[in-house]
Amino acid sequence: MPLLLDTGILYAMADEDDAWHERVVRYLRNNTDVLMTPVTVVPEAAYLLRARLGARIEREFIASLAAREIAVESLSNADLVRSAAVMSERPDVGFVDASVVAVAERLRLDRIATTDRRHFSTIVPRHRPAFDLVP
């Protein structure tokens, strides 16, 4: 079953000074699941990587996606509808996080790799009582 990654995980993987870096790297080294991220996460992660770590790190991130080290999942129209519903139900949740929820629900994924406990720990998915948040 794929492990769905949010922006914070992608950023923490690259930034050795990030508070989550060691924990994320250690968890992912022991993970055997396919790594996946929604397409909506890509520009947000790329922007943060470039702004905070530089163009080379952003290029390396995009190269890793091109090499399929992390699968990029497209959004369906149903995902957009669900994202809008999550955003309506939870005005504190933005589009990127809502799209992570929508993709996780569509693929019936139990786990989300995230550094954002504030939002994802309080969202109740349609297919289970709660997401398992890792690491």
Protein backbone atom coordinates (compact mmCIF):
# COMPACT_ATOMS: atom_id res chain seq x y z
CA MET A 1 0.00 0.00 0.00
CA PRO A 2 1.47 3.42 -0.88
CA LEU A 3 2.61 5.84 1.77
CA LEU A 4 1.16 9.28 1.06
CA LEU A 5 3.58 12.15 1.71
CA ASP A 6 2.66 15.73 2.47
CA THR A 7 4.73 18.86 1.89
CA GLY A 8 6.36 18.89 5.31
CA ILE A 9 7.81 15.42 4.83
CA LEU A 10 9.25 16.29 1.41
CA TYR A 11 10.82 19.41 2.85
CA ALA A 12 12.16 17.68 5.97
CA MET A 13 13.79 15.00 3.82
CA ALA A 14 15.91 17.68 2.13
CA ASP A 15 16.67 20.07 4.98
CA GLU A 16 19.19 18.59 7.42
CA ASP A 17 18.50 21.47 9.81
CA ASP A 18 14.75 20.81 9.92
CA ALA A 19 13.50 19.56 13.30
CA TRP A 20 11.81 16.60 11.57
CA HIS A 21 14.74 15.62 9.31
CA GLU A 22 16.27 12.77 11.33
CA ARG A 23 12.92 11.27 12.28
CA VAL A 24 11.66 11.41 8.67
CA VAL A 25 14.83 9.97 7.14
CA ARG A 26 14.96 7.16 9.71
CA TYR A 27 11.30 6.28 9.14
CA LEU A 28 11.58 6.31 5.36
CA ARG A 29 14.73 4.17 5.40
CA ASN A 30 12.73 1.47 7.19
CA ASN A 31 9.68 1.88 4.96
CA THR A 32 9.16 -0.56 2.09
CA ASP A 33 5.98 0.98 0.69
CA VAL A 34 5.84 2.98 -2.51
CA LEU A 35 6.17 6.68 -1.72
CA MET A 36 3.44 8.82 -3.25
CA THR A 37 2.42 12.45 -3.15
CA PRO A 38 -0.55 14.25 -4.69
CA VAL A 39 0.31 16.51 -7.61
CA THR A 40 -0.88 19.49 -5.56
CA VAL A 41 1.94 18.98 -3.07
CA VAL A 42 4.65 19.21 -5.74
CA PRO A 43 4.58 22.98 -6.43
CA GLU A 44 4.27 23.81 -2.74
CA ALA A 45 7.26 21.60 -1.86
CA ALA A 46 9.27 22.88 -4.83
CA TYR A 47 8.62 26.48 -3.83
CA LEU A 48 9.72 25.89 -0.24
CA LEU A 49 12.81 23.97 -1.29
CA ARG A 50 13.88 26.72 -3.70
CA ALA A 51 13.07 29.59 -1.34
CA ARG A 52 14.79 28.07 1.70
CA LEU A 53 17.46 25.72 0.31
CA GLY A 54 18.13 26.97 -3.20
CA ALA A 55 17.64 26.10 -6.85
CA ARG A 56 19.92 23.03 -6.79
CA ILE A 57 17.81 21.33 -4.11
CA GLU A 58 14.62 22.15 -6.01
CA ARG A 59 16.13 20.60 -9.18
CA GLU A 60 17.16 17.49 -7.25
CA PHE A 61 13.61 17.16 -5.93
CA ILE A 62 12.11 17.40 -9.42
CA ALA A 63 14.72 14.94 -10.74
CA SER A 64 13.70 12.46 -8.02
CA LEU A 65 10.09 12.76 -9.14
CA ALA A 66 11.12 12.27 -12.78
CA ALA A 67 13.06 9.15 -11.72
CA ARG A 68 9.87 7.94 -10.01
CA GLU A 69 11.47 7.73 -6.60
CA ILE A 70 8.20 9.28 -5.43
CA ALA A 71 5.02 8.61 -7.39
CA VAL A 72 2.92 11.66 -8.22
CA GLU A 73 -0.82 11.05 -7.99
CA SER A 74 -3.13 13.18 -10.13
CA LEU A 75 -6.38 14.56 -8.82
CA SER A 76 -9.70 13.46 -10.22
CA ASN A 77 -12.73 15.70 -10.42
CA ALA A 78 -14.14 13.78 -7.45
CA ASP A 79 -10.96 14.66 -5.52
CA LEU A 80 -11.56 18.34 -6.28
CA VAL A 81 -15.16 18.04 -5.09
CA ARG A 82 -14.02 16.33 -1.90
CA SER A 83 -11.24 18.90 -1.38
CA ALA A 84 -13.80 21.69 -1.59
CA ALA A 85 -16.02 19.85 0.91
CA VAL A 86 -13.13 19.41 3.36
CA MET A 87 -12.27 23.10 3.00
CA SER A 88 -15.92 24.05 3.65
CA GLU A 89 -16.13 21.80 6.69
CA ARG A 90 -12.75 22.96 7.98
CA PRO A 91 -11.97 26.57 7.02
CA ASP A 92 -8.54 26.22 8.66
CA VAL A 93 -7.53 23.55 6.10
CA GLY A 94 -6.14 24.77 2.78
CA PHE A 95 -6.39 23.20 -0.64
CA VAL A 96 -3.13 21.24 -0.53
CA ASP A 97 -3.98 19.50 2.74
CA ALA A 98 -7.57 18.94 1.62
CA SER A 99 -6.30 17.31 -1.57
CA VAL A 100 -4.08 14.98 0.47
CA VAL A 101 -7.20 13.92 2.38
CA ALA A 102 -9.17 13.43 -0.85
CA VAL A 103 -6.47 11.27 -2.44
CA ALA A 104 -6.04 9.23 0.74
CA GLU A 105 -9.78 8.60 0.86
CA ARG A 106 -10.04 7.67 -2.82
CA LEU A 107 -7.15 5.21 -2.55
CA ARG A 108 -8.37 4.06 0.88
CA LEU A 109 -4.98 4.74 2.44
CA ASP A 110 -4.62 4.43 6.19
CA ARG A 111 -1.36 6.32 6.66
CA ILE A 112 -0.22 9.83 5.84
CA ALA A 113 3.38 10.84 6.35
CA THR A 114 3.10 14.38 7.66
CA THR A 115 4.65 16.92 9.96
CA ASP A 116 1.26 18.66 10.21
CA ARG A 117 -0.37 17.03 13.21
CA ARG A 118 -2.53 20.11 13.87
CA HIS A 119 -4.69 19.56 10.79
CA PHE A 120 -4.42 15.89 9.89
CA SER A 121 -5.00 14.61 13.43
CA THR A 122 -8.40 16.30 13.57
CA ILE A 123 -9.73 15.40 10.12
CA VAL A 124 -12.08 12.42 10.09
CA PRO A 125 -11.71 10.58 6.79
CA ARG A 126 -14.70 8.93 5.15
CA HIS A 127 -13.20 5.44 5.11
CA ARG A 128 -11.87 5.06 8.66
CA PRO A 129 -12.11 6.71 12.08
CA ALA A 130 -8.77 8.54 11.71
CA PHE A 131 -5.56 8.56 9.70
CA ASP A 132 -2.43 6.94 11.06
CA LEU A 133 0.06 9.78 11.02
CA VAL A 134 3.72 8.90 10.62
CA PRO A 135 6.53 9.22 11.48
